Each structure stands twice: as structure tokens, then as C-alpha cells.
């Protein structure tokens, strides 16, 4: 998967696109086909990017890779939620990071931390991946199972059906913190010439739509997006 960023210096129609490899830092220096060099920052969180990578892998027929990315997206979302709740207490990020090290290598401990953070905020237990999906994920990640397209679609939908409702609730209770988390990679002291908010299935710069999209709809969106950017780069 590559990110398509519109060159801010081109006046051409259709748009001129530059394609960059996604990174955790989210900051890029790019040069468009017309020779314009510019800095850009992609404002999003790891769990968002990982889900998009998984969806693109699914579209390209890499089903095992899609499961791995969806799994990583789900786990990083648990951390994202815990950080949002923790930040609301007023404690500093350094203290959180020191505490998180105690569970950062153990996904079951992270899941437990998420369950109690969610309960402390909403007074109800959270929805989690169904046991069937957990067993399927483990078979793919740890036992070498090669999933089918249908299985990858089902797993991706299980993740999105858990994450999107929680994101909607977070926008109602912690909107500022959610938006701030997405822009954490943008350095105010050294701003890029362009801050780019890509369309994300799991958004943080806007409240998610009430209707949760199916994976088939997301795959259709990828097809349309790739067609559009190909036209713009010709």
C-alpha cells in the first residue's frame, strides 16, 4: 500500500499525486512528477493506518497479510483507547509510557487493561472479538493457516464492528483528545508545508458515520480511489 498525497504546488487539473510508503512517523518529503518538492505530514494514528493497510492487502489478494494488519490495528486501538482515558486523568504521557512498558509485550494484559478502562468510563463491559474470531486469528498468525477471502472479510468486519462504535462514543466524551492524538506527529515548532488528513475507515478527525460500512463497500472504495489517482498522475 502507498499513500496518495496531492501536490500542493501544482495547479493542474486533474490533480497531481505523489505516492509515499506509510511510516509510523507519518512525515514525508516528496517530489511530484513536475519537480515540486514539499514536506507533508499525514495526520492519523497507527491503528487507522494498519486497518487501511489490511484493507488494501485484502483487495490485492494477500489474505494472510490482511489478517495480520487487522489484528495489529485492533491491538493498537486498545492502546489508543487506554491512552485517551488515561490522559483525561491529567497525568503526563511519560508516566503512562513507563506504566505501559509493563504490558506492551503481552497482548492479553493489554486486553485486560482495555476492559477495565472501558468499564471505568462507561460503566458497562466492552464488546470484544468473538472467541471464534480469536481462535481464527491465532490459527492464522501462529499456526500458519492460510485464510480465504471470505474469512479475511469476516475478520475485518469483526474488527470494524467493534472499533467504530467505540470511536463514536469517544467523540461524544473525548473529542478533543481523539483529534489531538491524530495530529501528534505534526511538530508545531517545525510545521510541514502540508498537513494531510487522508480518508480513513476508522476516522479520528471527524465522528464516524452512524452506518458501519461492510468490507465489500470498503473494497469498492479502494477500487474507485485507485482509479482516480491513476488518472490524476497520468
C-alpha atoms as a PDB file:
ATOM      1  CA  UNK A   1       0.000   0.000   0.000  1.00  0.00           C
ATOM      2  CA  UNK A   2       1.112   3.552  -0.771  1.00  0.00           C
ATOM      3  CA  UNK A   3      -0.387   6.834   0.364  1.00  0.00           C
ATOM      4  CA  UNK A   4      -1.507   9.209  -2.362  1.00  0.00           C
ATOM      5  CA  UNK A   5      -0.759  12.855  -1.483  1.00  0.00           C
ATOM      6  CA  UNK A   6      -1.819  15.710  -3.722  1.00  0.00           C
ATOM      7  CA  UNK A   7       0.981  18.090  -4.638  1.00  0.00           C
ATOM      8  CA  UNK A   8       0.068  21.476  -3.071  1.00  0.00           C
ATOM      9  CA  UNK A   9       2.147  23.399  -5.622  1.00  0.00           C
ATOM     10  CA  UNK A  10       0.604  22.041  -8.818  1.00  0.00           C
ATOM     11  CA  UNK A  11      -2.276  23.888 -10.416  1.00  0.00           C
ATOM     12  CA  UNK A  12      -3.027  21.104 -12.871  1.00  0.00           C
ATOM     13  CA  UNK A  13      -6.429  19.530 -13.366  1.00  0.00           C
ATOM     14  CA  UNK A  14      -6.693  16.597 -12.822  1.00  0.00           C
ATOM     15  CA  UNK A  15      -4.700  16.632  -9.601  1.00  0.00           C
ATOM     16  CA  UNK A  16      -1.061  15.625  -9.459  1.00  0.00           C
ATOM     17  CA  UNK A  17      -0.455  12.856  -6.940  1.00  0.00           C
ATOM     18  CA  UNK A  18       2.685  11.716  -5.163  1.00  0.00           C
ATOM     19  CA  UNK A  19       2.822   8.199  -3.731  1.00  0.00           C
ATOM     20  CA  UNK A  20       4.726   7.545  -0.500  1.00  0.00           C
ATOM     21  CA  UNK A  21       5.296   4.477   1.674  1.00  0.00           C
ATOM     22  CA  UNK A  22       3.457   4.758   5.026  1.00  0.00           C
ATOM     23  CA  UNK A  23       5.561   5.062   8.185  1.00  0.00           C
ATOM     24  CA  UNK A  24       4.776   5.268  11.895  1.00  0.00           C
ATOM     25  CA  UNK A  25       6.180   8.816  11.993  1.00  0.00           C
ATOM     26  CA  UNK A  26       3.853   9.996   9.233  1.00  0.00           C
ATOM     27  CA  UNK A  27       6.174  12.754   7.973  1.00  0.00           C
ATOM     28  CA  UNK A  28       7.399  12.823   4.392  1.00  0.00           C
ATOM     29  CA  UNK A  29       9.399  14.822   1.896  1.00  0.00           C
ATOM     30  CA  UNK A  30       8.062  14.193  -1.586  1.00  0.00           C
ATOM     31  CA  UNK A  31       8.694  15.313  -5.153  1.00  0.00           C
ATOM     32  CA  UNK A  32       5.866  15.345  -7.679  1.00  0.00           C
ATOM     33  CA  UNK A  33       6.254  14.492 -11.394  1.00  0.00           C
ATOM     34  CA  UNK A  34       6.545  18.228 -12.157  1.00  0.00           C
ATOM     35  CA  UNK A  35       9.598  18.542  -9.890  1.00  0.00           C
ATOM     36  CA  UNK A  36       7.955  20.276  -6.938  1.00  0.00           C
ATOM     37  CA  UNK A  37       9.468  19.170  -3.615  1.00  0.00           C
ATOM     38  CA  UNK A  38       7.358  19.634  -0.487  1.00  0.00           C
ATOM     39  CA  UNK A  39       7.039  18.408   3.095  1.00  0.00           C
ATOM     40  CA  UNK A  40       3.879  16.674   4.238  1.00  0.00           C
ATOM     41  CA  UNK A  41       2.532  15.191   7.440  1.00  0.00           C
ATOM     42  CA  UNK A  42      -0.178  12.522   7.341  1.00  0.00           C
ATOM     43  CA  UNK A  43      -2.286  13.135  10.420  1.00  0.00           C
ATOM     44  CA  UNK A  44      -3.557   9.780  11.649  1.00  0.00           C
ATOM     45  CA  UNK A  45      -2.910   7.113  14.297  1.00  0.00           C
ATOM     46  CA  UNK A  46      -1.217   3.742  13.904  1.00  0.00           C
ATOM     47  CA  UNK A  47      -4.447   1.779  14.278  1.00  0.00           C
ATOM     48  CA  UNK A  48      -6.014   3.721  11.405  1.00  0.00           C
ATOM     49  CA  UNK A  49      -3.087   3.192   9.053  1.00  0.00           C
ATOM     50  CA  UNK A  50      -2.845  -0.503   9.931  1.00  0.00           C
ATOM     51  CA  UNK A  51      -6.516  -1.047   9.142  1.00  0.00           C
ATOM     52  CA  UNK A  52      -6.097   0.699   5.772  1.00  0.00           C
ATOM     53  CA  UNK A  53      -3.045  -1.467   5.031  1.00  0.00           C
ATOM     54  CA  UNK A  54      -5.103  -4.534   5.887  1.00  0.00           C
ATOM     55  CA  UNK A  55      -7.948  -3.465   3.626  1.00  0.00           C
ATOM     56  CA  UNK A  56      -5.552  -2.832   0.742  1.00  0.00           C
ATOM     57  CA  UNK A  57      -3.893  -6.215   1.318  1.00  0.00           C
ATOM     58  CA  UNK A  58      -7.328  -7.824   1.186  1.00  0.00           C
ATOM     59  CA  UNK A  59      -8.105  -6.009  -2.070  1.00  0.00           C
ATOM     60  CA  UNK A  60      -4.805  -7.224  -3.566  1.00  0.00           C
ATOM     61  CA  UNK A  61      -5.465 -10.826  -2.554  1.00  0.00           C
ATOM     62  CA  UNK A  62      -2.989 -11.062   0.331  1.00  0.00           C
ATOM     63  CA  UNK A  63      -5.420 -12.511   2.834  1.00  0.00           C
ATOM     64  CA  UNK A  64      -2.944 -13.696   5.468  1.00  0.00           C
ATOM     65  CA  UNK A  65      -1.254 -10.283   5.451  1.00  0.00           C
ATOM     66  CA  UNK A  66      -4.673  -8.656   5.792  1.00  0.00           C
ATOM     67  CA  UNK A  67      -5.409 -10.684   8.935  1.00  0.00           C
ATOM     68  CA  UNK A  68      -2.066  -9.648  10.433  1.00  0.00           C
ATOM     69  CA  UNK A  69      -2.723  -5.960   9.780  1.00  0.00           C
ATOM     70  CA  UNK A  70      -6.314  -6.108  11.069  1.00  0.00           C
ATOM     71  CA  UNK A  71      -5.038  -7.810  14.227  1.00  0.00           C
ATOM     72  CA  UNK A  72      -2.364  -5.157  14.754  1.00  0.00           C
ATOM     73  CA  UNK A  73      -4.948  -2.424  14.143  1.00  0.00           C
ATOM     74  CA  UNK A  74      -7.251  -3.893  16.795  1.00  0.00           C
ATOM     75  CA  UNK A  75      -4.445  -4.163  19.342  1.00  0.00           C
ATOM     76  CA  UNK A  76      -3.181  -0.643  18.688  1.00  0.00           C
ATOM     77  CA  UNK A  77      -6.740   0.643  19.045  1.00  0.00           C
ATOM     78  CA  UNK A  78      -6.904  -0.874  22.521  1.00  0.00           C
ATOM     79  CA  UNK A  79      -3.770   1.100  23.417  1.00  0.00           C
ATOM     80  CA  UNK A  80      -5.215   4.236  21.787  1.00  0.00           C
ATOM     81  CA  UNK A  81      -8.378   3.978  23.893  1.00  0.00           C
ATOM     82  CA  UNK A  82      -6.443   3.402  27.110  1.00  0.00           C
ATOM     83  CA  UNK A  83      -4.229   6.421  26.394  1.00  0.00           C
ATOM     84  CA  UNK A  84      -7.268   8.642  25.764  1.00  0.00           C
ATOM     85  CA  UNK A  85      -8.879   7.589  29.038  1.00  0.00           C
ATOM     86  CA  UNK A  86      -5.598   7.924  30.941  1.00  0.00           C
ATOM     87  CA  UNK A  87      -4.879  11.391  29.511  1.00  0.00           C
ATOM     88  CA  UNK A  88      -8.263  12.539  30.800  1.00  0.00           C
ATOM     89  CA  UNK A  89      -6.991  11.990  34.348  1.00  0.00           C
ATOM     90  CA  UNK A  90      -4.442  14.772  33.834  1.00  0.00           C
ATOM     91  CA  UNK A  91      -1.358  12.606  34.285  1.00  0.00           C
ATOM     92  CA  UNK A  92       1.539  13.121  31.905  1.00  0.00           C
ATOM     93  CA  UNK A  93       2.474  10.960  28.938  1.00  0.00           C
ATOM     94  CA  UNK A  94       5.858   9.989  30.387  1.00  0.00           C
ATOM     95  CA  UNK A  95       4.170   8.321  33.344  1.00  0.00           C
ATOM     96  CA  UNK A  96       1.829   6.433  31.038  1.00  0.00           C
ATOM     97  CA  UNK A  97       4.712   5.244  28.866  1.00  0.00           C
ATOM     98  CA  UNK A  98       6.542   3.862  31.907  1.00  0.00           C
ATOM     99  CA  UNK A  99       3.402   2.045  33.010  1.00  0.00           C
ATOM    100  CA  UNK A 100       2.611   0.740  29.532  1.00  0.00           C
ATOM    101  CA  UNK A 101       6.006  -0.948  29.317  1.00  0.00           C
ATOM    102  CA  UNK A 102       4.730  -3.469  31.867  1.00  0.00           C
ATOM    103  CA  UNK A 103       2.118  -4.732  29.386  1.00  0.00           C
ATOM    104  CA  UNK A 104       3.484  -3.665  25.995  1.00  0.00           C
ATOM    105  CA  UNK A 105       4.773  -7.145  25.123  1.00  0.00           C
ATOM    106  CA  UNK A 106       1.722  -9.073  26.305  1.00  0.00           C
ATOM    107  CA  UNK A 107      -1.496  -8.690  24.348  1.00  0.00           C
ATOM    108  CA  UNK A 108      -3.651 -10.408  26.985  1.00  0.00           C
ATOM    109  CA  UNK A 109      -2.584  -7.877  29.611  1.00  0.00           C
ATOM    110  CA  UNK A 110      -3.347  -5.053  27.188  1.00  0.00           C
ATOM    111  CA  UNK A 111      -6.796  -6.529  26.617  1.00  0.00           C
ATOM    112  CA  UNK A 112      -7.383  -6.660  30.362  1.00  0.00           C
ATOM    113  CA  UNK A 113      -6.303  -3.045  30.747  1.00  0.00           C
ATOM    114  CA  UNK A 114      -8.711  -2.060  27.971  1.00  0.00           C
ATOM    115  CA  UNK A 115     -11.632  -3.921  29.558  1.00  0.00           C
ATOM    116  CA  UNK A 116     -11.247  -2.095  32.864  1.00  0.00           C
ATOM    117  CA  UNK A 117     -10.519   1.290  31.265  1.00  0.00           C
ATOM    118  CA  UNK A 118     -13.708   0.947  29.216  1.00  0.00           C
ATOM    119  CA  UNK A 119     -15.720  -0.130  32.243  1.00  0.00           C
ATOM    120  CA  UNK A 120     -14.385   2.757  34.337  1.00  0.00           C
ATOM    121  CA  UNK A 121     -15.503   5.217  31.651  1.00  0.00           C
ATOM    122  CA  UNK A 122     -18.882   3.814  30.549  1.00  0.00           C
ATOM    123  CA  UNK A 123     -19.888   1.506  33.431  1.00  0.00           C
ATOM    124  CA  UNK A 124     -20.531  -1.395  31.052  1.00  0.00           C
ATOM    125  CA  UNK A 125     -18.157  -4.079  29.749  1.00  0.00           C
ATOM    126  CA  UNK A 126     -16.877  -3.565  26.177  1.00  0.00           C
ATOM    127  CA  UNK A 127     -17.602  -5.747  23.180  1.00  0.00           C
ATOM    128  CA  UNK A 128     -14.571  -7.835  22.262  1.00  0.00           C
ATOM    129  CA  UNK A 129     -13.595 -10.058  19.367  1.00  0.00           C
ATOM    130  CA  UNK A 130     -15.783 -13.173  19.426  1.00  0.00           C
ATOM    131  CA  UNK A 131     -13.988 -16.311  20.587  1.00  0.00           C
ATOM    132  CA  UNK A 132     -14.393 -17.794  17.109  1.00  0.00           C
ATOM    133  CA  UNK A 133     -12.502 -14.853  15.614  1.00  0.00           C
ATOM    134  CA  UNK A 134      -9.795 -15.048  18.296  1.00  0.00           C
ATOM    135  CA  UNK A 135      -9.238 -18.724  17.543  1.00  0.00           C
ATOM    136  CA  UNK A 136      -9.192 -17.994  13.811  1.00  0.00           C
ATOM    137  CA  UNK A 137      -6.677 -15.163  14.269  1.00  0.00           C
ATOM    138  CA  UNK A 138      -4.411 -17.382  16.349  1.00  0.00           C
ATOM    139  CA  UNK A 139      -4.560 -20.127  13.728  1.00  0.00           C
ATOM    140  CA  UNK A 140      -3.522 -17.659  11.014  1.00  0.00           C
ATOM    141  CA  UNK A 141      -0.849 -15.764  12.982  1.00  0.00           C
ATOM    142  CA  UNK A 142       0.657 -18.606  14.994  1.00  0.00           C
ATOM    143  CA  UNK A 143      -0.190 -21.855  13.199  1.00  0.00           C
ATOM    144  CA  UNK A 144       0.281 -20.949   9.549  1.00  0.00           C
ATOM    145  CA  UNK A 145      -3.366 -21.201   8.486  1.00  0.00           C
ATOM    146  CA  UNK A 146      -3.942 -19.664   5.059  1.00  0.00           C
ATOM    147  CA  UNK A 147      -7.280 -17.833   5.135  1.00  0.00           C
ATOM    148  CA  UNK A 148      -9.767 -17.493   2.307  1.00  0.00           C
ATOM    149  CA  UNK A 149     -11.044 -14.181   1.017  1.00  0.00           C
ATOM    150  CA  UNK A 150     -14.353 -14.724   2.798  1.00  0.00           C
ATOM    151  CA  UNK A 151     -12.631 -15.452   6.103  1.00  0.00           C
ATOM    152  CA  UNK A 152     -10.473 -12.329   5.772  1.00  0.00           C
ATOM    153  CA  UNK A 153     -13.562 -10.233   5.043  1.00  0.00           C
ATOM    154  CA  UNK A 154     -15.362 -11.681   8.067  1.00  0.00           C
ATOM    155  CA  UNK A 155     -12.411 -10.965  10.344  1.00  0.00           C
ATOM    156  CA  UNK A 156     -12.032  -7.394   9.078  1.00  0.00           C
ATOM    157  CA  UNK A 157     -15.728  -6.766   9.670  1.00  0.00           C
ATOM    158  CA  UNK A 158     -15.436  -8.172  13.200  1.00  0.00           C
ATOM    159  CA  UNK A 159     -12.732  -5.599  13.948  1.00  0.00           C
ATOM    160  CA  UNK A 160     -14.534  -2.664  12.391  1.00  0.00           C
ATOM    161  CA  UNK A 161     -17.802  -3.577  14.142  1.00  0.00           C
ATOM    162  CA  UNK A 162     -16.002  -3.337  17.490  1.00  0.00           C
ATOM    163  CA  UNK A 163     -13.863  -0.262  16.872  1.00  0.00           C
ATOM    164  CA  UNK A 164     -16.281   2.112  15.116  1.00  0.00           C
ATOM    165  CA  UNK A 165     -18.946   2.199  17.870  1.00  0.00           C
ATOM    166  CA  UNK A 166     -16.238   2.907  20.461  1.00  0.00           C
ATOM    167  CA  UNK A 167     -14.845   5.724  18.307  1.00  0.00           C
ATOM    168  CA  UNK A 168     -18.340   7.228  18.087  1.00  0.00           C
ATOM    169  CA  UNK A 169     -18.611   7.168  21.882  1.00  0.00           C
ATOM    170  CA  UNK A 170     -15.150   8.697  22.257  1.00  0.00           C
ATOM    171  CA  UNK A 171     -16.169  11.584  20.019  1.00  0.00           C
ATOM    172  CA  UNK A 172     -19.071  12.255  22.369  1.00  0.00           C
ATOM    173  CA  UNK A 173     -16.925  12.158  25.520  1.00  0.00           C
ATOM    174  CA  UNK A 174     -13.308  12.911  24.491  1.00  0.00           C
ATOM    175  CA  UNK A 175     -13.423  14.580  21.071  1.00  0.00           C
ATOM    176  CA  UNK A 176     -10.536  16.981  21.687  1.00  0.00           C
ATOM    177  CA  UNK A 177      -8.243  14.191  22.865  1.00  0.00           C
ATOM    178  CA  UNK A 178      -9.118  11.988  19.881  1.00  0.00           C
ATOM    179  CA  UNK A 179      -8.377  14.724  17.347  1.00  0.00           C
ATOM    180  CA  UNK A 180      -5.200  15.725  19.185  1.00  0.00           C
ATOM    181  CA  UNK A 181      -3.928  12.139  19.072  1.00  0.00           C
ATOM    182  CA  UNK A 182      -4.186  12.121  15.288  1.00  0.00           C
ATOM    183  CA  UNK A 183      -2.094  15.282  14.988  1.00  0.00           C
ATOM    184  CA  UNK A 184       0.581  14.264  17.497  1.00  0.00           C
ATOM    185  CA  UNK A 185       3.070  13.644  14.688  1.00  0.00           C
ATOM    186  CA  UNK A 186       2.761  17.252  13.482  1.00  0.00           C
ATOM    187  CA  UNK A 187       5.502  19.256  15.171  1.00  0.00           C
ATOM    188  CA  UNK A 188       4.209  22.752  15.930  1.00  0.00           C
ATOM    189  CA  UNK A 189       7.759  24.092  16.034  1.00  0.00           C
ATOM    190  CA  UNK A 190       8.559  22.799  12.569  1.00  0.00           C
ATOM    191  CA  UNK A 191       5.281  22.522  10.673  1.00  0.00           C
ATOM    192  CA  UNK A 192       5.275  20.844   7.258  1.00  0.00           C
ATOM    193  CA  UNK A 193       4.136  22.727   4.189  1.00  0.00           C
ATOM    194  CA  UNK A 194       1.126  20.434   4.071  1.00  0.00           C
ATOM    195  CA  UNK A 195      -0.786  18.532   6.735  1.00  0.00           C
ATOM    196  CA  UNK A 196      -2.815  15.846   5.023  1.00  0.00           C
ATOM    197  CA  UNK A 197      -5.856  14.194   6.579  1.00  0.00           C
ATOM    198  CA  UNK A 198      -6.434  11.093   4.453  1.00  0.00           C
ATOM    199  CA  UNK A 199      -9.848   9.493   4.314  1.00  0.00           C
ATOM    200  CA  UNK A 200      -9.800   6.737   6.908  1.00  0.00           C
ATOM    201  CA  UNK A 201     -12.297   3.961   7.558  1.00  0.00           C
ATOM    202  CA  UNK A 202     -11.669   4.446  11.294  1.00  0.00           C
ATOM    203  CA  UNK A 203     -11.603   8.268  11.438  1.00  0.00           C
ATOM    204  CA  UNK A 204     -10.155  10.461  14.176  1.00  0.00           C
ATOM    205  CA  UNK A 205     -10.619  13.895  12.588  1.00  0.00           C
ATOM    206  CA  UNK A 206     -14.410  13.523  12.446  1.00  0.00           C
ATOM    207  CA  UNK A 207     -17.115  11.498  14.147  1.00  0.00           C
ATOM    208  CA  UNK A 208     -17.694   8.198  12.306  1.00  0.00           C
ATOM    209  CA  UNK A 209     -20.911   7.855  10.351  1.00  0.00           C
ATOM    210  CA  UNK A 210     -23.683   6.025  12.153  1.00  0.00           C
ATOM    211  CA  UNK A 211     -23.864   3.354   9.464  1.00  0.00           C
ATOM    212  CA  UNK A 212     -20.922   0.961   9.615  1.00  0.00           C
ATOM    213  CA  UNK A 213     -19.642   0.090   6.108  1.00  0.00           C
ATOM    214  CA  UNK A 214     -19.173  -3.503   5.008  1.00  0.00           C
ATOM    215  CA  UNK A 215     -15.763  -4.721   3.867  1.00  0.00           C
ATOM    216  CA  UNK A 216     -17.145  -5.134   0.352  1.00  0.00           C
ATOM    217  CA  UNK A 217     -18.053  -1.439   0.344  1.00  0.00           C
ATOM    218  CA  UNK A 218     -14.563  -0.556   1.534  1.00  0.00           C
ATOM    219  CA  UNK A 219     -13.031  -2.672  -1.227  1.00  0.00           C
ATOM    220  CA  UNK A 220     -15.198  -0.895  -3.796  1.00  0.00           C
ATOM    221  CA  UNK A 221     -13.915   2.402  -2.394  1.00  0.00           C
ATOM    222  CA  UNK A 222     -10.309   1.274  -2.866  1.00  0.00           C
ATOM    223  CA  UNK A 223     -11.020   0.374  -6.493  1.00  0.00           C
ATOM    224  CA  UNK A 224     -12.552   3.803  -7.131  1.00  0.00           C
ATOM    225  CA  UNK A 225      -9.740   5.606  -5.301  1.00  0.00           C
ATOM    226  CA  UNK A 226      -7.006   3.817  -7.226  1.00  0.00           C
ATOM    227  CA  UNK A 227      -8.718   4.587 -10.497  1.00  0.00           C
ATOM    228  CA  UNK A 228      -8.987   8.274  -9.570  1.00  0.00           C
ATOM    229  CA  UNK A 229      -5.353   8.660  -8.518  1.00  0.00           C
ATOM    230  CA  UNK A 230      -4.129   6.837 -11.626  1.00  0.00           C
ATOM    231  CA  UNK A 231      -5.980   9.350 -13.774  1.00  0.00           C
ATOM    232  CA  UNK A 232      -4.558  12.231 -11.745  1.00  0.00           C
ATOM    233  CA  UNK A 233      -0.968  11.003 -12.086  1.00  0.00           C
ATOM    234  CA  UNK A 234      -1.065  10.482 -15.849  1.00  0.00           C
END
